C-alpha atoms as a PDB file:
ATOM      1  CA  MET A   1       4.149 -16.247   6.136  1.00  0.00           C
ATOM      2  CA  THR A   2       3.057 -14.027   8.966  1.00  0.00           C
ATOM      3  CA  ASP A   3       0.084 -11.709   8.923  1.00  0.00           C
ATOM      4  CA  LEU A   4       0.896  -8.027   9.353  1.00  0.00           C
ATOM      5  CA  SER A   5      -1.501  -5.643  11.080  1.00  0.00           C
ATOM      6  CA  ILE A   6      -1.649  -2.341   9.222  1.00  0.00           C
ATOM      7  CA  VAL A   7      -4.027   0.582   8.887  1.00  0.00           C
ATOM      8  CA  LEU A   8      -5.187   0.913   5.283  1.00  0.00           C
ATOM      9  CA  ASN A   9      -7.155   4.038   4.371  1.00  0.00           C
ATOM     10  CA  GLY A  10      -8.195   4.413   8.014  1.00  0.00           C
ATOM     11  CA  ASP A  11      -9.257   0.794   8.568  1.00  0.00           C
ATOM     12  CA  ALA A  12      -7.353  -1.812  10.578  1.00  0.00           C
ATOM     13  CA  ARG A  13      -6.485  -4.726   8.327  1.00  0.00           C
ATOM     14  CA  LYS A  14      -4.365  -7.873   8.294  1.00  0.00           C
ATOM     15  CA  VAL A  15      -2.320  -8.648   5.202  1.00  0.00           C
ATOM     16  CA  PRO A  16       0.041 -11.543   4.453  1.00  0.00           C
ATOM     17  CA  GLY A  17       3.719 -10.794   5.073  1.00  0.00           C
ATOM     18  CA  PRO A  18       6.458 -10.346   4.259  1.00  0.00           C
ATOM     19  CA  LEU A  19       5.218  -7.852   1.707  1.00  0.00           C
ATOM     20  CA  THR A  20       6.370  -4.796  -0.240  1.00  0.00           C
ATOM     21  CA  LEU A  21       4.112  -1.925  -1.230  1.00  0.00           C
ATOM     22  CA  ALA A  22       4.052  -3.312  -4.791  1.00  0.00           C
ATOM     23  CA  GLY A  23       3.017  -6.689  -3.357  1.00  0.00           C
ATOM     24  CA  LEU A  24       0.295  -5.012  -1.305  1.00  0.00           C
ATOM     25  CA  LEU A  25      -1.134  -3.365  -4.406  1.00  0.00           C
ATOM     26  CA  GLU A  26      -1.042  -6.707  -6.214  1.00  0.00           C
ATOM     27  CA  HIS A  27      -2.723  -8.408  -3.227  1.00  0.00           C
ATOM     28  CA  LEU A  28      -5.476  -5.767  -3.385  1.00  0.00           C
ATOM     29  CA  GLY A  29      -5.812  -6.105  -7.185  1.00  0.00           C
ATOM     30  CA  LEU A  30      -4.775  -2.481  -7.794  1.00  0.00           C
ATOM     31  CA  ASP A  31      -2.765  -1.094 -10.698  1.00  0.00           C
ATOM     32  CA  PRO A  32       0.198   0.892  -9.320  1.00  0.00           C
ATOM     33  CA  ARG A  33      -0.225   3.374 -12.185  1.00  0.00           C
ATOM     34  CA  ALA A  34      -3.696   4.280 -10.893  1.00  0.00           C
ATOM     35  CA  VAL A  35      -2.899   5.046  -7.240  1.00  0.00           C
ATOM     36  CA  VAL A  36      -0.670   7.236  -5.124  1.00  0.00           C
ATOM     37  CA  VAL A  37       0.757   5.422  -2.096  1.00  0.00           C
ATOM     38  CA  GLU A  38       1.450   7.159   1.200  1.00  0.00           C
ATOM     39  CA  GLN A  39       3.210   5.153   3.906  1.00  0.00           C
ATOM     40  CA  ASN A  40       3.404   6.631   7.401  1.00  0.00           C
ATOM     41  CA  ARG A  41       2.622  10.119   6.048  1.00  0.00           C
ATOM     42  CA  ALA A  42       5.292  10.020   3.309  1.00  0.00           C
ATOM     43  CA  ILE A  43       4.484   9.574  -0.377  1.00  0.00           C
ATOM     44  CA  VAL A  44       6.335   6.628  -1.914  1.00  0.00           C
ATOM     45  CA  ARG A  45       7.197   7.157  -5.559  1.00  0.00           C
ATOM     46  CA  ARG A  46       6.168   4.444  -8.001  1.00  0.00           C
ATOM     47  CA  PRO A  47       9.745   3.273  -8.827  1.00  0.00           C
ATOM     48  CA  ASN A  48      10.291   2.556  -5.104  1.00  0.00           C
ATOM     49  CA  LEU A  49       7.151   0.487  -4.457  1.00  0.00           C
ATOM     50  CA  ALA A  50       8.861  -2.874  -5.125  1.00  0.00           C
ATOM     51  CA  ASP A  51      11.719  -2.019  -2.754  1.00  0.00           C
ATOM     52  CA  THR A  52       9.662  -0.606   0.127  1.00  0.00           C
ATOM     53  CA  PRO A  53       8.622  -3.182   2.726  1.00  0.00           C
ATOM     54  CA  VAL A  54       5.333  -3.085   4.592  1.00  0.00           C
ATOM     55  CA  ALA A  55       5.947  -3.340   8.334  1.00  0.00           C
ATOM     56  CA  GLU A  56       3.747  -4.181  11.303  1.00  0.00           C
ATOM     57  CA  GLY A  57       1.758  -1.104  12.323  1.00  0.00           C
ATOM     58  CA  ASP A  58       2.281   0.850   9.090  1.00  0.00           C
ATOM     59  CA  VAL A  59      -0.345   3.421   8.192  1.00  0.00           C
ATOM     60  CA  ILE A  60      -0.942   3.305   4.449  1.00  0.00           C
ATOM     61  CA  GLU A  61      -3.187   5.561   2.404  1.00  0.00           C
ATOM     62  CA  LEU A  62      -4.063   4.760  -1.198  1.00  0.00           C
ATOM     63  CA  VAL A  63      -5.436   7.571  -3.317  1.00  0.00           C
ATOM     64  CA  HIS A  64      -7.116   6.453  -6.534  1.00  0.00           C
ATOM     65  CA  PHE A  65      -7.090   8.501  -9.714  1.00  0.00           C
ATOM     66  CA  VAL A  66     -10.577   8.987 -11.117  1.00  0.00           C
ATOM     67  CA  GLY A  67     -11.165  10.163 -14.643  1.00  0.00           C
ATOM     68  CA  GLY A  68     -14.063  12.270 -15.729  1.00  0.00           C
ATOM     69  CA  GLY A  69     -15.007  15.602 -17.041  1.00  0.00           C
END
């Protein structure tokens, strides 16, 4: 395993690699049904998360759904 340096929600971070976006969400303890994932300014649809690798230098934004009324 090799650590990858990424930017996650504006913060520099190291994550274990190799990794897919689905693996990143699992590593972070997040439910893929509760977030929207943007990788390098492009939204990645949920069915593609397991097939989309995280690469060195990626900029990833995670937007969480919040319920309320």
